[in-house]
Amino acid sequence: MNVMSNQRLVGRRSVRGAALITVLVFVLISSIILAGIGALVVSDLQTAIEGQEYDNAIYTAEAGINYELNKISVNSANADQKNATGAPGTSYSSAAGAFSVYVTQRNSNGTETTPWA
């Protein structure tokens, strides 16, 4: 009887070991899947933030162009010019950000000449 009861105990222990290994493998695979999902979510969020920043930059640039075109269409003598230091004449703020704008006259070869009139 001792031999038979020892065989039963060994059989039960191997079943317990197999169950433990199965659970550990399942936890490992689940952890890998969750880590992948987490990396995907973080990457997607970063892409969305960068896209929003790009859109705001484009909207701000367009706001600067539209502002100056409107200003010179009302009165061309009011066009913003470069300062003596070469910096843009005036800085403005909009909801999307701040912009600096000026108008200049260019030669046929693309170089700047005297201030725009």
PDB file of N, CA and C in Angstrom:
ATOM      1  N   MET A   1       0.803  -1.198   0.000  1.00  0.00           N
ATOM      2  CA  MET A   1       0.000   0.000   0.000  1.00  0.00           C
ATOM      3  C   MET A   1       0.847   1.263   0.000  1.00  0.00           C
ATOM      4  N   ASN A   2       1.998   1.195   0.613  1.00  0.00           N
ATOM      5  CA  ASN A   2       2.855   2.366   0.637  1.00  0.00           C
ATOM      6  C   ASN A   2       3.288   2.774  -0.764  1.00  0.00           C
ATOM      7  N   VAL A   3       3.573   1.812  -1.605  1.00  0.00           N
ATOM      8  CA  VAL A   3       4.015   2.106  -2.962  1.00  0.00           C
ATOM      9  C   VAL A   3       2.892   2.781  -3.736  1.00  0.00           C
ATOM     10  N   MET A   4       1.708   2.304  -3.549  1.00  0.00           N
ATOM     11  CA  MET A   4       0.577   2.861  -4.265  1.00  0.00           C
ATOM     12  C   MET A   4       0.252   4.266  -3.787  1.00  0.00           C
ATOM     13  N   SER A   5       0.310   4.516  -2.501  1.00  0.00           N
ATOM     14  CA  SER A   5       0.012   5.852  -2.001  1.00  0.00           C
ATOM     15  C   SER A   5       1.112   6.829  -2.388  1.00  0.00           C
ATOM     16  N   ASN A   6       2.367   6.385  -2.467  1.00  0.00           N
ATOM     17  CA  ASN A   6       3.452   7.250  -2.934  1.00  0.00           C
ATOM     18  C   ASN A   6       3.248   7.636  -4.397  1.00  0.00           C
ATOM     19  N   GLN A   7       2.774   6.701  -5.210  1.00  0.00           N
ATOM     20  CA  GLN A   7       2.533   7.008  -6.616  1.00  0.00           C
ATOM     21  C   GLN A   7       1.403   8.029  -6.770  1.00  0.00           C
ATOM     22  N   ARG A   8       0.404   7.932  -5.927  1.00  0.00           N
ATOM     23  CA  ARG A   8      -0.693   8.901  -5.978  1.00  0.00           C
ATOM     24  C   ARG A   8      -0.203  10.300  -5.606  1.00  0.00           C
ATOM     25  N   LEU A   9       0.638  10.393  -4.572  1.00  0.00           N
ATOM     26  CA  LEU A   9       1.167  11.695  -4.165  1.00  0.00           C
ATOM     27  C   LEU A   9       2.041  12.301  -5.257  1.00  0.00           C
ATOM     28  N   VAL A  10       2.872  11.489  -5.891  1.00  0.00           N
ATOM     29  CA  VAL A  10       3.728  11.988  -6.965  1.00  0.00           C
ATOM     30  C   VAL A  10       2.862  12.460  -8.133  1.00  0.00           C
ATOM     31  N   GLY A  11       1.836  11.746  -8.448  1.00  0.00           N
ATOM     32  CA  GLY A  11       0.927  12.131  -9.525  1.00  0.00           C
ATOM     33  C   GLY A  11       0.235  13.452  -9.224  1.00  0.00           C
ATOM     34  N   ARG A  12      -0.189  13.652  -8.004  1.00  0.00           N
ATOM     35  CA  ARG A  12      -0.855  14.890  -7.623  1.00  0.00           C
ATOM     36  C   ARG A  12       0.119  16.069  -7.653  1.00  0.00           C
ATOM     37  N   ARG A  13       1.338  15.837  -7.212  1.00  0.00           N
ATOM     38  CA  ARG A  13       2.329  16.904  -7.228  1.00  0.00           C
ATOM     39  C   ARG A  13       2.645  17.350  -8.660  1.00  0.00           C
ATOM     40  N   SER A  14       2.732  16.417  -9.574  1.00  0.00           N
ATOM     41  CA  SER A  14       3.027  16.797 -10.958  1.00  0.00           C
ATOM     42  C   SER A  14       1.861  17.564 -11.567  1.00  0.00           C
ATOM     43  N   VAL A  15       0.639  17.237 -11.192  1.00  0.00           N
ATOM     44  CA  VAL A  15      -0.526  17.979 -11.675  1.00  0.00           C
ATOM     45  C   VAL A  15      -0.504  19.395 -11.099  1.00  0.00           C
ATOM     46  N   ARG A  16      -0.151  19.529  -9.831  1.00  0.00           N
ATOM     47  CA  ARG A  16      -0.056  20.850  -9.221  1.00  0.00           C
ATOM     48  C   ARG A  16       1.040  21.668  -9.898  1.00  0.00           C
ATOM     49  N   GLY A  17       2.150  21.086 -10.211  1.00  0.00           N
ATOM     50  CA  GLY A  17       3.244  21.780 -10.890  1.00  0.00           C
ATOM     51  C   GLY A  17       2.852  22.226 -12.284  1.00  0.00           C
ATOM     52  N   ALA A  18       2.128  21.373 -12.985  1.00  0.00           N
ATOM     53  CA  ALA A  18       1.678  21.720 -14.337  1.00  0.00           C
ATOM     54  C   ALA A  18       0.680  22.874 -14.288  1.00  0.00           C
ATOM     55  N   ALA A  19      -0.184  22.883 -13.301  1.00  0.00           N
ATOM     56  CA  ALA A  19      -1.154  23.973 -13.162  1.00  0.00           C
ATOM     57  C   ALA A  19      -0.433  25.280 -12.849  1.00  0.00           C
ATOM     58  N   LEU A  20       0.583  25.209 -12.000  1.00  0.00           N
ATOM     59  CA  LEU A  20       1.340  26.412 -11.660  1.00  0.00           C
ATOM     60  C   LEU A  20       2.064  26.962 -12.888  1.00  0.00           C
ATOM     61  N   ILE A  21       2.677  26.102 -13.661  1.00  0.00           N
ATOM     62  CA  ILE A  21       3.373  26.531 -14.884  1.00  0.00           C
ATOM     63  C   ILE A  21       2.381  27.098 -15.891  1.00  0.00           C
ATOM     64  N   THR A  22       1.225  26.490 -16.011  1.00  0.00           N
ATOM     65  CA  THR A  22       0.201  26.988 -16.925  1.00  0.00           C
ATOM     66  C   THR A  22      -0.255  28.387 -16.518  1.00  0.00           C
ATOM     67  N   VAL A  23      -0.478  28.605 -15.235  1.00  0.00           N
ATOM     68  CA  VAL A  23      -0.886  29.922 -14.745  1.00  0.00           C
ATOM     69  C   VAL A  23       0.220  30.939 -14.988  1.00  0.00           C
ATOM     70  N   LEU A  24       1.473  30.587 -14.734  1.00  0.00           N
ATOM     71  CA  LEU A  24       2.589  31.505 -14.959  1.00  0.00           C
ATOM     72  C   LEU A  24       2.722  31.882 -16.435  1.00  0.00           C
ATOM     73  N   VAL A  25       2.550  30.915 -17.330  1.00  0.00           N
ATOM     74  CA  VAL A  25       2.614  31.189 -18.767  1.00  0.00           C
ATOM     75  C   VAL A  25       1.464  32.117 -19.168  1.00  0.00           C
ATOM     76  N   PHE A  26       0.272  31.864 -18.628  1.00  0.00           N
ATOM     77  CA  PHE A  26      -0.868  32.716 -18.927  1.00  0.00           C
ATOM     78  C   PHE A  26      -0.629  34.152 -18.442  1.00  0.00           C
ATOM     79  N   VAL A  27      -0.099  34.309 -17.248  1.00  0.00           N
ATOM     80  CA  VAL A  27       0.194  35.650 -16.708  1.00  0.00           C
ATOM     81  C   VAL A  27       1.259  36.337 -17.564  1.00  0.00           C
ATOM     82  N   LEU A  28       2.273  35.614 -17.996  1.00  0.00           N
ATOM     83  CA  LEU A  28       3.327  36.181 -18.833  1.00  0.00           C
ATOM     84  C   LEU A  28       2.762  36.666 -20.165  1.00  0.00           C
ATOM     85  N   ILE A  29       1.961  35.858 -20.815  1.00  0.00           N
ATOM     86  CA  ILE A  29       1.379  36.239 -22.102  1.00  0.00           C
ATOM     87  C   ILE A  29       0.433  37.437 -21.929  1.00  0.00           C
ATOM     88  N   SER A  30      -0.361  37.425 -20.872  1.00  0.00           N
ATOM     89  CA  SER A  30      -1.265  38.555 -20.608  1.00  0.00           C
ATOM     90  C   SER A  30      -0.479  39.838 -20.361  1.00  0.00           C
ATOM     91  N   SER A  31       0.627  39.736 -19.638  1.00  0.00           N
ATOM     92  CA  SER A  31       1.457  40.914 -19.365  1.00  0.00           C
ATOM     93  C   SER A  31       2.058  41.474 -20.642  1.00  0.00           C
ATOM     94  N   ILE A  32       2.509  40.610 -21.522  1.00  0.00           N
ATOM     95  CA  ILE A  32       3.080  41.057 -22.799  1.00  0.00           C
ATOM     96  C   ILE A  32       2.015  41.759 -23.642  1.00  0.00           C
ATOM     97  N   ILE A  33       0.833  41.216 -23.684  1.00  0.00           N
ATOM     98  CA  ILE A  33      -0.257  41.827 -24.454  1.00  0.00           C
ATOM     99  C   ILE A  33      -0.627  43.192 -23.866  1.00  0.00           C
ATOM    100  N   LEU A  34      -0.743  43.278 -22.550  1.00  0.00           N
ATOM    101  CA  LEU A  34      -1.087  44.551 -21.915  1.00  0.00           C
ATOM    102  C   LEU A  34       0.019  45.592 -22.114  1.00  0.00           C
ATOM    103  N   ALA A  35       1.271  45.179 -22.072  1.00  0.00           N
ATOM    104  CA  ALA A  35       2.372  46.114 -22.319  1.00  0.00           C
ATOM    105  C   ALA A  35       2.309  46.636 -23.756  1.00  0.00           C
ATOM    106  N   GLY A  36       1.983  45.792 -24.703  1.00  0.00           N
ATOM    107  CA  GLY A  36       1.841  46.222 -26.096  1.00  0.00           C
ATOM    108  C   GLY A  36       0.699  47.199 -26.279  1.00  0.00           C
ATOM    109  N   ILE A  37      -0.417  46.939 -25.627  1.00  0.00           N
ATOM    110  CA  ILE A  37      -1.552  47.856 -25.706  1.00  0.00           C
ATOM    111  C   ILE A  37      -1.189  49.197 -25.082  1.00  0.00           C
ATOM    112  N   GLY A  38      -0.488  49.176 -23.960  1.00  0.00           N
ATOM    113  CA  GLY A  38      -0.062  50.416 -23.318  1.00  0.00           C
ATOM    114  C   GLY A  38       0.868  51.226 -24.206  1.00  0.00           C
ATOM    115  N   ALA A  39       1.822  50.558 -24.854  1.00  0.00           N
ATOM    116  CA  ALA A  39       2.734  51.260 -25.763  1.00  0.00           C
ATOM    117  C   ALA A  39       1.975  51.856 -26.939  1.00  0.00           C
ATOM    118  N   LEU A  40       0.988  51.143 -27.460  1.00  0.00           N
ATOM    119  CA  LEU A  40       0.184  51.645 -28.567  1.00  0.00           C
ATOM    120  C   LEU A  40      -0.618  52.876 -28.162  1.00  0.00           C
ATOM    121  N   VAL A  41      -1.197  52.861 -26.971  1.00  0.00           N
ATOM    122  CA  VAL A  41      -1.983  53.996 -26.495  1.00  0.00           C
ATOM    123  C   VAL A  41      -1.098  55.226 -26.310  1.00  0.00           C
ATOM    124  N   VAL A  42       0.082  55.047 -25.716  1.00  0.00           N
ATOM    125  CA  VAL A  42       0.993  56.170 -25.510  1.00  0.00           C
ATOM    126  C   VAL A  42       1.444  56.739 -26.856  1.00  0.00           C
ATOM    127  N   SER A  43       1.765  55.884 -27.805  1.00  0.00           N
ATOM    128  CA  SER A  43       2.192  56.326 -29.129  1.00  0.00           C
ATOM    129  C   SER A  43       1.080  57.098 -29.838  1.00  0.00           C
ATOM    130  N   ASP A  44      -0.132  56.600 -29.739  1.00  0.00           N
ATOM    131  CA  ASP A  44      -1.264  57.268 -30.381  1.00  0.00           C
ATOM    132  C   ASP A  44      -1.523  58.638 -29.750  1.00  0.00           C
ATOM    133  N   LEU A  45      -1.405  58.731 -28.439  1.00  0.00           N
ATOM    134  CA  LEU A  45      -1.594  60.012 -27.762  1.00  0.00           C
ATOM    135  C   LEU A  45      -0.516  61.008 -28.178  1.00  0.00           C
ATOM    136  N   GLN A  46       0.723  60.560 -28.272  1.00  0.00           N
ATOM    137  CA  GLN A  46       1.810  61.446 -28.685  1.00  0.00           C
ATOM    138  C   GLN A  46       1.599  61.943 -30.114  1.00  0.00           C
ATOM    139  N   THR A  47       1.146  61.073 -31.001  1.00  0.00           N
ATOM    140  CA  THR A  47       0.864  61.475 -32.377  1.00  0.00           C
ATOM    141  C   THR A  47      -0.267  62.500 -32.428  1.00  0.00           C
ATOM    142  N   ALA A  48      -1.284  62.324 -31.616  1.00  0.00           N
ATOM    143  CA  ALA A  48      -2.400  63.269 -31.586  1.00  0.00           C
ATOM    144  C   ALA A  48      -1.942  64.639 -31.084  1.00  0.00           C
ATOM    145  N   ILE A  49      -1.095  64.653 -30.068  1.00  0.00           N
ATOM    146  CA  ILE A  49      -0.602  65.927 -29.525  1.00  0.00           C
ATOM    147  C   ILE A  49       0.251  66.648 -30.564  1.00  0.00           C
ATOM    148  N   GLU A  50       1.142  65.913 -31.236  1.00  0.00           N
ATOM    149  CA  GLU A  50       1.978  66.528 -32.270  1.00  0.00           C
ATOM    150  C   GLU A  50       1.135  67.055 -33.428  1.00  0.00           C
ATOM    151  N   GLY A  51       0.096  66.340 -33.804  1.00  0.00           N
ATOM    152  CA  GLY A  51      -0.804  66.800 -34.859  1.00  0.00           C
ATOM    153  C   GLY A  51      -1.525  68.075 -34.467  1.00  0.00           C
ATOM    154  N   GLN A  52      -1.932  68.159 -33.207  1.00  0.00           N
ATOM    155  CA  GLN A  52      -2.613  69.358 -32.737  1.00  0.00           C
ATOM    156  C   GLN A  52      -1.654  70.550 -32.731  1.00  0.00           C
ATOM    157  N   GLU A  53      -0.415  70.335 -32.306  1.00  0.00           N
ATOM    158  CA  GLU A  53       0.574  71.422 -32.313  1.00  0.00           C
ATOM    159  C   GLU A  53       0.865  71.885 -33.742  1.00  0.00           C
ATOM    160  N   TYR A  54       0.939  70.950 -34.670  1.00  0.00           N
ATOM    161  CA  TYR A  54       1.162  71.300 -36.081  1.00  0.00           C
ATOM    162  C   TYR A  54      -0.004  72.127 -36.609  1.00  0.00           C
ATOM    163  N   ASP A  55      -1.221  71.693 -36.316  1.00  0.00           N
ATOM    164  CA  ASP A  55      -2.405  72.435 -36.760  1.00  0.00           C
ATOM    165  C   ASP A  55      -2.420  73.848 -36.191  1.00  0.00           C
ATOM    166  N   ASN A  56      -2.081  73.993 -34.913  1.00  0.00           N
ATOM    167  CA  ASN A  56      -2.039  75.333 -34.310  1.00  0.00           C
ATOM    168  C   ASN A  56      -0.991  76.206 -34.978  1.00  0.00           C
ATOM    169  N   ALA A  57       0.154  75.632 -35.351  1.00  0.00           N
ATOM    170  CA  ALA A  57       1.190  76.412 -36.035  1.00  0.00           C
ATOM    171  C   ALA A  57       0.700  76.892 -37.395  1.00  0.00           C
ATOM    172  N   ILE A  58       0.027  76.020 -38.131  1.00  0.00           N
ATOM    173  CA  ILE A  58      -0.513  76.400 -39.449  1.00  0.00           C
ATOM    174  C   ILE A  58      -1.576  77.479 -39.292  1.00  0.00           C
ATOM    175  N   TYR A  59      -2.474  77.308 -38.318  1.00  0.00           N
ATOM    176  CA  TYR A  59      -3.534  78.305 -38.100  1.00  0.00           C
ATOM    177  C   TYR A  59      -2.947  79.657 -37.703  1.00  0.00           C
ATOM    178  N   THR A  60      -1.901  79.651 -36.894  1.00  0.00           N
ATOM    179  CA  THR A  60      -1.269  80.906 -36.489  1.00  0.00           C
ATOM    180  C   THR A  60      -0.618  81.587 -37.688  1.00  0.00           C
ATOM    181  N   ALA A  61       0.061  80.820 -38.527  1.00  0.00           N
ATOM    182  CA  ALA A  61       0.685  81.393 -39.724  1.00  0.00           C
ATOM    183  C   ALA A  61      -0.372  81.978 -40.656  1.00  0.00           C
ATOM    184  N   GLU A  62      -1.461  81.264 -40.842  1.00  0.00           N
ATOM    185  CA  GLU A  62      -2.537  81.772 -41.686  1.00  0.00           C
ATOM    186  C   GLU A  62      -3.172  83.024 -41.080  1.00  0.00           C
ATOM    187  N   ALA A  63      -3.292  83.067 -39.752  1.00  0.00           N
ATOM    188  CA  ALA A  63      -3.844  84.245 -39.096  1.00  0.00           C
ATOM    189  C   ALA A  63      -2.947  85.449 -39.339  1.00  0.00           C
ATOM    190  N   GLY A  64      -1.628  85.256 -39.300  1.00  0.00           N
ATOM    191  CA  GLY A  64      -0.703  86.355 -39.568  1.00  0.00           C
ATOM    192  C   GLY A  64      -0.828  86.871 -40.981  1.00  0.00           C
ATOM    193  N   ILE A  65      -0.910  85.964 -41.934  1.00  0.00           N
ATOM    194  CA  ILE A  65      -1.050  86.370 -43.334  1.00  0.00           C
ATOM    195  C   ILE A  65      -2.371  87.118 -43.545  1.00  0.00           C
ATOM    196  N   ASN A  66      -3.451  86.557 -43.033  1.00  0.00           N
ATOM    197  CA  ASN A  66      -4.761  87.193 -43.197  1.00  0.00           C
ATOM    198  C   ASN A  66      -4.816  88.555 -42.515  1.00  0.00           C
ATOM    199  N   TYR A  67      -4.190  88.653 -41.339  1.00  0.00           N
ATOM    200  CA  TYR A  67      -4.182  89.928 -40.626  1.00  0.00           C
ATOM    201  C   TYR A  67      -3.481  91.004 -41.445  1.00  0.00           C
ATOM    202  N   GLU A  68      -2.296  90.671 -41.962  1.00  0.00           N
ATOM    203  CA  GLU A  68      -1.529  91.679 -42.717  1.00  0.00           C
ATOM    204  C   GLU A  68      -2.208  92.006 -44.040  1.00  0.00           C
ATOM    205  N   LEU A  69      -2.769  91.013 -44.729  1.00  0.00           N
ATOM    206  CA  LEU A  69      -3.493  91.293 -45.976  1.00  0.00           C
ATOM    207  C   LEU A  69      -4.691  92.200 -45.726  1.00  0.00           C
ATOM    208  N   ASN A  70      -5.401  91.958 -44.641  1.00  0.00           N
ATOM    209  CA  ASN A  70      -6.530  92.823 -44.306  1.00  0.00           C
ATOM    210  C   ASN A  70      -6.047  94.236 -43.983  1.00  0.00           C
ATOM    211  N   LYS A  71      -4.954  94.326 -43.256  1.00  0.00           N
ATOM    212  CA  LYS A  71      -4.426  95.635 -42.863  1.00  0.00           C
ATOM    213  C   LYS A  71      -4.006  96.455 -44.078  1.00  0.00           C
ATOM    214  N   ILE A  72      -3.310  95.830 -45.050  1.00  0.00           N
ATOM    215  CA  ILE A  72      -2.861  96.590 -46.214  1.00  0.00           C
ATOM    216  C   ILE A  72      -3.983  96.811 -47.223  1.00  0.00           C
ATOM    217  N   SER A  73      -5.029  95.986 -47.191  1.00  0.00           N
ATOM    218  CA  SER A  73      -6.146  96.239 -48.101  1.00  0.00           C
ATOM    219  C   SER A  73      -6.977  97.431 -47.617  1.00  0.00           C
ATOM    220  N   VAL A  74      -6.996  97.675 -46.327  1.00  0.00           N
ATOM    221  CA  VAL A  74      -7.705  98.844 -45.791  1.00  0.00           C
ATOM    222  C   VAL A  74      -6.920 100.109 -46.102  1.00  0.00           C
ATOM    223  N   ASN A  75      -5.603 100.072 -45.813  1.00  0.00           N
ATOM    224  CA  ASN A  75      -4.749 101.232 -46.076  1.00  0.00           C
ATOM    225  C   ASN A  75      -3.323 100.723 -46.271  1.00  0.00           C
ATOM    226  N   SER A  76      -2.842 100.803 -47.494  1.00  0.00           N
ATOM    227  CA  SER A  76      -1.519 100.241 -47.789  1.00  0.00           C
ATOM    228  C   SER A  76      -0.389 100.986 -47.099  1.00  0.00           C
ATOM    229  N   ALA A  77      -0.628 102.177 -46.634  1.00  0.00           N
ATOM    230  CA  ALA A  77       0.414 102.932 -45.925  1.00  0.00           C
ATOM    231  C   ALA A  77       0.628 102.402 -44.508  1.00  0.00           C
ATOM    232  N   ASN A  78      -0.287 101.592 -44.007  1.00  0.00           N
ATOM    233  CA  ASN A  78      -0.187 101.048 -42.647  1.00  0.00           C
ATOM    234  C   ASN A  78       0.508  99.696 -42.594  1.00  0.00           C
ATOM    235  N   ALA A  79       1.157  99.266 -43.649  1.00  0.00           N
ATOM    236  CA  ALA A  79       1.787  97.954 -43.672  1.00  0.00           C
ATOM    237  C   ALA A  79       2.914  97.883 -42.647  1.00  0.00           C
ATOM    238  N   ASP A  80       3.015  96.753 -41.971  1.00  0.00           N
ATOM    239  CA  ASP A  80       4.100  96.549 -41.005  1.00  0.00           C
ATOM    240  C   ASP A  80       5.409  96.380 -41.766  1.00  0.00           C
ATOM    241  N   GLN A  81       6.478  97.012 -41.260  1.00  0.00           N
ATOM    242  CA  GLN A  81       7.797  96.970 -41.894  1.00  0.00           C
ATOM    243  C   GLN A  81       8.798  96.337 -40.936  1.00  0.00           C
ATOM    244  N   LYS A  82       9.962  95.957 -41.483  1.00  0.00           N
ATOM    245  CA  LYS A  82      11.055  95.491 -40.641  1.00  0.00           C
ATOM    246  C   LYS A  82      11.591  96.652 -39.833  1.00  0.00           C
ATOM    247  N   ASN A  83      12.069  96.354 -38.625  1.00  0.00           N
ATOM    248  CA  ASN A  83      12.750  97.371 -37.825  1.00  0.00           C
ATOM    249  C   ASN A  83      14.151  97.579 -38.389  1.00  0.00           C
ATOM    250  N   ALA A  84      14.840  98.559 -37.877  1.00  0.00           N
ATOM    251  CA  ALA A  84      16.219  98.823 -38.307  1.00  0.00           C
ATOM    252  C   ALA A  84      17.128  97.641 -37.967  1.00  0.00           C
ATOM    253  N   THR A  85      16.779  96.891 -36.935  1.00  0.00           N
ATOM    254  CA  THR A  85      17.590  95.729 -36.546  1.00  0.00           C
ATOM    255  C   THR A  85      17.333  94.528 -37.443  1.00  0.00           C
ATOM    256  N   GLY A  86      16.325  94.600 -38.291  1.00  0.00           N
ATOM    257  CA  GLY A  86      15.988  93.483 -39.174  1.00  0.00           C
ATOM    258  C   GLY A  86      14.928  92.564 -38.608  1.00  0.00           C
ATOM    259  N   ALA A  87      14.485  92.841 -37.386  1.00  0.00           N
ATOM    260  CA  ALA A  87      13.437  92.024 -36.773  1.00  0.00           C
ATOM    261  C   ALA A  87      12.083  92.427 -37.338  1.00  0.00           C
ATOM    262  N   PRO A  88      11.132  91.501 -37.349  1.00  0.00           N
ATOM    263  CA  PRO A  88       9.789  91.854 -37.819  1.00  0.00           C
ATOM    264  C   PRO A  88       9.244  93.028 -37.023  1.00  0.00           C
ATOM    265  N   GLY A  89       8.467  93.856 -37.699  1.00  0.00           N
ATOM    266  CA  GLY A  89       8.018  95.104 -37.117  1.00  0.00           C
ATOM    267  C   GLY A  89       7.127  94.978 -35.905  1.00  0.00           C
ATOM    268  N   THR A  90       6.130  94.135 -35.942  1.00  0.00           N
ATOM    269  CA  THR A  90       5.144  94.099 -34.883  1.00  0.00           C
ATOM    270  C   THR A  90       4.786  92.654 -34.568  1.00  0.00           C
ATOM    271  N   SER A  91       4.594  92.368 -33.279  1.00  0.00           N
ATOM    272  CA  SER A  91       4.141  91.037 -32.854  1.00  0.00           C
ATOM    273  C   SER A  91       2.680  91.129 -32.442  1.00  0.00           C
ATOM    274  N   TYR A  92       1.916  90.129 -32.797  1.00  0.00           N
ATOM    275  CA  TYR A  92       0.499  90.072 -32.471  1.00  0.00           C
ATOM    276  C   TYR A  92       0.196  88.736 -31.809  1.00  0.00           C
ATOM    277  N   SER A  93      -0.888  88.686 -31.073  1.00  0.00           N
ATOM    278  CA  SER A  93      -1.331  87.452 -30.430  1.00  0.00           C
ATOM    279  C   SER A  93      -2.704  87.072 -30.953  1.00  0.00           C
ATOM    280  N   SER A  94      -2.911  85.771 -31.106  1.00  0.00           N
ATOM    281  CA  SER A  94      -4.222  85.255 -31.486  1.00  0.00           C
ATOM    282  C   SER A  94      -4.554  84.105 -30.547  1.00  0.00           C
ATOM    283  N   ALA A  95      -5.700  83.508 -30.730  1.00  0.00           N
ATOM    284  CA  ALA A  95      -6.104  82.398 -29.872  1.00  0.00           C
ATOM    285  C   ALA A  95      -5.163  81.206 -30.033  1.00  0.00           C
ATOM    286  N   ALA A  96      -4.623  81.009 -31.225  1.00  0.00           N
ATOM    287  CA  ALA A  96      -3.750  79.864 -31.474  1.00  0.00           C
ATOM    288  C   ALA A  96      -2.305  80.119 -31.089  1.00  0.00           C
ATOM    289  N   GLY A  97      -1.901  81.383 -30.936  1.00  0.00           N
ATOM    290  CA  GLY A  97      -0.525  81.703 -30.580  1.00  0.00           C
ATOM    291  C   GLY A  97      -0.168  83.109 -31.003  1.00  0.00           C
ATOM    292  N   ALA A  98       1.127  83.423 -30.944  1.00  0.00           N
ATOM    293  CA  ALA A  98       1.609  84.753 -31.309  1.00  0.00           C
ATOM    294  C   ALA A  98       2.314  84.683 -32.653  1.00  0.00           C
ATOM    295  N   PHE A  99       2.294  85.795 -33.388  1.00  0.00           N
ATOM    296  CA  PHE A  99       2.978  85.843 -34.676  1.00  0.00           C
ATOM    297  C   PHE A  99       3.549  87.228 -34.889  1.00  0.00           C
ATOM    298  N   SER A 100       4.609  87.283 -35.684  1.00  0.00           N
ATOM    299  CA  SER A 100       5.212  88.549 -36.104  1.00  0.00           C
ATOM    300  C   SER A 100       5.111  88.603 -37.615  1.00  0.00           C
ATOM    301  N   VAL A 101       4.780  89.781 -38.131  1.00  0.00           N
ATOM    302  CA  VAL A 101       4.551  89.895 -39.560  1.00  0.00           C
ATOM    303  C   VAL A 101       5.085  91.224 -40.067  1.00  0.00           C
ATOM    304  N   TYR A 102       5.553  91.213 -41.311  1.00  0.00           N
ATOM    305  CA  TYR A 102       5.966  92.448 -41.979  1.00  0.00           C
ATOM    306  C   TYR A 102       5.874  92.242 -43.476  1.00  0.00           C
ATOM    307  N   VAL A 103       5.866  93.334 -44.194  1.00  0.00           N
ATOM    308  CA  VAL A 103       5.780  93.306 -45.649  1.00  0.00           C
ATOM    309  C   VAL A 103       7.072  93.887 -46.195  1.00  0.00           C
ATOM    310  N   THR A 104       7.605  93.286 -47.253  1.00  0.00           N
ATOM    311  CA  THR A 104       8.825  93.794 -47.868  1.00  0.00           C
ATOM    312  C   THR A 104       8.705  93.696 -49.383  1.00  0.00           C
ATOM    313  N   GLN A 105       9.462  94.482 -50.060  1.00  0.00           N
ATOM    314  CA  GLN A 105       9.477  94.461 -51.522  1.00  0.00           C
ATOM    315  C   GLN A 105      10.683  93.649 -51.971  1.00  0.00           C
ATOM    316  N   ARG A 106      10.513  92.858 -53.005  1.00  0.00           N
ATOM    317  CA  ARG A 106      11.604  92.026 -53.506  1.00  0.00           C
ATOM    318  C   ARG A 106      11.914  92.382 -54.954  1.00  0.00           C
ATOM    319  N   ASN A 107      13.193  92.238 -55.288  1.00  0.00           N
ATOM    320  CA  ASN A 107      13.619  92.406 -56.679  1.00  0.00           C
ATOM    321  C   ASN A 107      13.202  91.195 -57.490  1.00  0.00           C
ATOM    322  N   SER A 108      13.453  91.241 -58.765  1.00  0.00           N
ATOM    323  CA  SER A 108      13.129  90.113 -59.627  1.00  0.00           C
ATOM    324  C   SER A 108      13.991  88.894 -59.300  1.00  0.00           C
ATOM    325  N   ASN A 109      15.174  89.094 -58.705  1.00  0.00           N
ATOM    326  CA  ASN A 109      16.026  87.953 -58.341  1.00  0.00           C
ATOM    327  C   ASN A 109      15.707  87.427 -56.945  1.00  0.00           C
ATOM    328  N   GLY A 110      14.732  88.008 -56.251  1.00  0.00           N
ATOM    329  CA  GLY A 110      14.281  87.492 -54.965  1.00  0.00           C
ATOM    330  C   GLY A 110      14.909  88.146 -53.757  1.00  0.00           C
ATOM    331  N   THR A 111      15.804  89.095 -53.936  1.00  0.00           N
ATOM    332  CA  THR A 111      16.412  89.768 -52.786  1.00  0.00           C
ATOM    333  C   THR A 111      15.542  90.940 -52.349  1.00  0.00           C
ATOM    334  N   GLU A 112      15.635  91.262 -51.063  1.00  0.00           N
ATOM    335  CA  GLU A 112      14.842  92.378 -50.531  1.00  0.00           C
ATOM    336  C   GLU A 112      15.455  93.703 -50.959  1.00  0.00           C
ATOM    337  N   THR A 113      14.587  94.659 -51.179  1.00  0.00           N
ATOM    338  CA  THR A 113      15.045  96.010 -51.505  1.00  0.00           C
ATOM    339  C   THR A 113      14.548  96.952 -50.428  1.00  0.00           C
ATOM    340  N   THR A 114      14.226  98.114 -50.806  1.00  0.00           N
ATOM    341  CA  THR A 114      13.720  99.107 -49.864  1.00  0.00           C
ATOM    342  C   THR A 114      12.408  98.629 -49.257  1.00  0.00           C
ATOM    343  N   PRO A 115      11.990  99.230 -48.147  1.00  0.00           N
ATOM    344  CA  PRO A 115      10.716  98.841 -47.555  1.00  0.00           C
ATOM    345  C   PRO A 115       9.567  98.956 -48.556  1.00  0.00           C
ATOM    346  N   TRP A 116       8.597  98.143 -48.346  1.00  0.00           N
ATOM    347  CA  TRP A 116       7.441  98.066 -49.235  1.00  0.00           C
ATOM    348  C   TRP A 116       6.622  99.336 -49.132  1.00  0.00           C
ATOM    349  N   ALA A 117       6.141  99.776 -50.273  1.00  0.00           N
ATOM    350  CA  ALA A 117       5.303 100.974 -50.269  1.00  0.00           C
ATOM    351  C   ALA A 117       4.053 100.694 -51.074  1.00  0.00           C
TER     352      ALA A 117
END
